[in-house]
Amino acid sequence: QVQLVESGGGSVQAGGSLRLSCVAPGRTSGVHAMAWFRQAPGKEREFVAAITWKVDSTKYADSVKGRFTISRDGAENTVFLQMNNLKPEDTAVYYCATDLTWYSELYWITSRASDYDYWGQGTQVTVSS
């Protein structure tokens, strides 16, 4: 069992910034990657960004490239999502998730929500125009 605790959500105006954090308080051995997804009201959950745990590989949704940056602190079992130049369409509940699948390719990252094993409770991000 992997517990994930997100924080850092809030309300900002368009053009502002927020930094989300996701802590996995327990052991993270066996974690291949950690990701951020988001879900807006009435919409499906969508991939935002992910980072592998053992090597420096990242993946972003086209809608956030150049604005969001995902990073990790292995010593603190924490993954961050720095969100800059926020837009009203970024408004959603943001979820952290872990992929525990073993892959032969350490740089591989999946963007499918169904491939992720554990999820946090979510943190609300609201961007006003």
Protein backbone atom coordinates (compact mmCIF):
# COMPACT_ATOMS: atom_id res chain seq x y z
CA GLN A 1 0.00 0.00 0.00
CA VAL A 2 1.32 3.44 -0.96
CA GLN A 3 -0.24 6.48 0.66
CA LEU A 4 -0.06 9.78 -1.17
CA VAL A 5 -0.74 13.17 0.38
CA GLU A 6 -1.14 16.20 -1.87
CA SER A 7 -0.94 19.84 -0.87
CA GLY A 8 -0.46 23.27 -2.40
CA GLY A 9 -3.74 23.84 -4.19
CA GLY A 10 -5.60 27.11 -3.97
CA SER A 11 -7.13 30.00 -5.88
CA VAL A 12 -5.14 32.34 -8.10
CA GLN A 13 -5.78 34.76 -10.91
CA ALA A 14 -4.88 33.96 -14.49
CA GLY A 15 -1.15 34.35 -15.02
CA GLY A 16 -0.36 33.37 -11.46
CA SER A 17 1.58 30.40 -10.11
CA LEU A 18 1.07 27.53 -7.71
CA ARG A 19 3.29 24.67 -6.57
CA LEU A 20 1.73 21.35 -5.74
CA SER A 21 3.44 18.75 -3.58
CA CYS A 22 2.79 15.05 -3.21
CA VAL A 23 4.41 13.09 -0.42
CA ALA A 24 4.59 9.30 -0.24
CA PRO A 25 5.29 8.90 3.47
CA GLY A 26 6.11 5.22 3.31
CA ARG A 27 8.66 3.32 1.31
CA THR A 28 8.87 4.12 -2.40
CA SER A 29 10.88 1.11 -3.50
CA GLY A 30 9.17 -0.39 -6.50
CA VAL A 31 7.80 2.95 -7.66
CA HIS A 32 8.51 3.35 -11.37
CA ALA A 33 6.97 6.79 -11.86
CA MET A 34 4.78 9.37 -10.22
CA ALA A 35 2.31 11.52 -12.07
CA TRP A 36 -0.16 14.33 -11.79
CA PHE A 37 -3.63 14.08 -13.28
CA ARG A 38 -6.49 16.53 -13.10
CA GLN A 39 -10.24 16.38 -13.36
CA ALA A 40 -12.51 19.32 -14.05
CA PRO A 41 -16.25 19.19 -13.32
CA GLY A 42 -18.08 17.16 -15.94
CA LYS A 43 -14.86 16.03 -17.60
CA GLU A 44 -12.77 12.90 -17.55
CA ARG A 45 -9.57 12.68 -15.57
CA GLU A 46 -6.67 13.74 -17.76
CA PHE A 47 -2.91 13.31 -17.64
CA VAL A 48 -0.87 16.39 -16.76
CA ALA A 49 2.73 15.31 -16.16
CA ALA A 50 4.85 12.44 -14.86
CA ILE A 51 8.39 11.71 -13.80
CA THR A 52 10.25 8.45 -13.43
CA TRP A 53 11.69 7.67 -10.02
CA LYS A 54 15.06 6.14 -10.90
CA VAL A 55 16.12 8.13 -13.98
CA ASP A 56 15.49 11.65 -15.23
CA SER A 57 12.61 11.16 -17.57
CA THR A 58 9.56 13.41 -17.72
CA LYS A 59 6.43 13.63 -19.81
CA TYR A 60 3.90 16.44 -20.16
CA ALA A 61 0.50 16.94 -21.68
CA ASP A 62 0.64 19.32 -24.64
CA SER A 63 -1.70 21.72 -22.84
CA VAL A 64 0.82 22.36 -20.04
CA LYS A 65 4.17 22.16 -21.84
CA GLY A 66 6.27 25.24 -21.21
CA ARG A 67 4.12 26.28 -18.24
CA PHE A 68 4.28 23.35 -15.79
CA THR A 69 7.38 21.60 -14.44
CA ILE A 70 7.41 18.29 -12.59
CA SER A 71 10.29 17.41 -10.30
CA ARG A 72 11.08 15.04 -7.46
CA ASP A 73 13.02 14.87 -4.24
CA GLY A 74 13.90 11.23 -3.76
CA ALA A 75 15.25 11.76 -0.27
CA GLU A 76 11.93 13.23 0.82
CA ASN A 77 9.75 10.88 -1.27
CA THR A 78 8.11 13.95 -2.73
CA VAL A 79 7.07 14.99 -6.22
CA PHE A 80 6.31 18.59 -7.12
CA LEU A 81 4.33 20.29 -9.84
CA GLN A 82 5.31 23.90 -10.44
CA MET A 83 2.51 25.59 -12.36
CA ASN A 84 3.21 28.96 -13.96
CA ASN A 85 1.14 31.21 -16.20
CA LEU A 86 -2.02 29.50 -15.01
CA LYS A 87 -5.14 29.75 -17.14
CA PRO A 88 -8.83 29.40 -16.20
CA GLU A 89 -8.89 26.11 -18.11
CA ASP A 90 -6.36 24.71 -15.62
CA THR A 91 -9.08 24.79 -12.97
CA ALA A 92 -9.56 21.23 -11.69
CA VAL A 93 -8.90 18.85 -8.85
CA TYR A 94 -5.31 17.69 -9.20
CA TYR A 95 -4.40 14.14 -8.21
CA CYS A 96 -1.05 12.53 -7.58
CA ALA A 97 -0.59 8.89 -8.60
CA THR A 98 2.07 6.18 -8.61
CA ASP A 99 2.92 3.57 -11.22
CA LEU A 100 4.31 0.43 -9.60
CA THR A 101 4.58 -1.62 -12.77
CA TRP A 102 7.98 -3.06 -13.59
CA TYR A 103 9.13 -1.94 -17.04
CA SER A 104 12.28 -3.07 -18.80
CA GLU A 105 12.67 0.49 -20.07
CA LEU A 106 13.41 2.80 -17.14
CA TYR A 107 12.60 5.91 -19.20
CA TRP A 108 9.10 4.72 -20.17
CA ILE A 109 6.17 6.82 -18.89
CA THR A 110 2.52 5.99 -19.38
CA SER A 111 -0.17 8.67 -19.51
CA ARG A 112 -3.08 6.28 -18.99
CA ALA A 113 -4.82 6.70 -15.66
CA SER A 114 -5.65 3.00 -15.57
CA ASP A 115 -1.92 2.16 -15.45
CA TYR A 116 -1.45 3.95 -12.13
CA ASP A 117 -1.91 1.97 -8.96
CA TYR A 118 -2.36 4.38 -6.07
CA TRP A 119 -3.93 7.82 -5.91
CA GLY A 120 -4.03 10.72 -3.53
CA GLN A 121 -7.18 12.44 -2.34
CA GLY A 122 -6.76 15.40 -4.69
CA THR A 123 -6.21 19.11 -4.21
CA GLN A 124 -8.34 21.86 -5.76
CA VAL A 125 -6.80 24.42 -8.10
CA THR A 126 -9.00 27.34 -9.16
CA VAL A 127 -7.85 29.94 -11.67
CA SER A 128 -9.99 33.01 -12.17
CA SER A 129 -9.91 35.25 -15.21
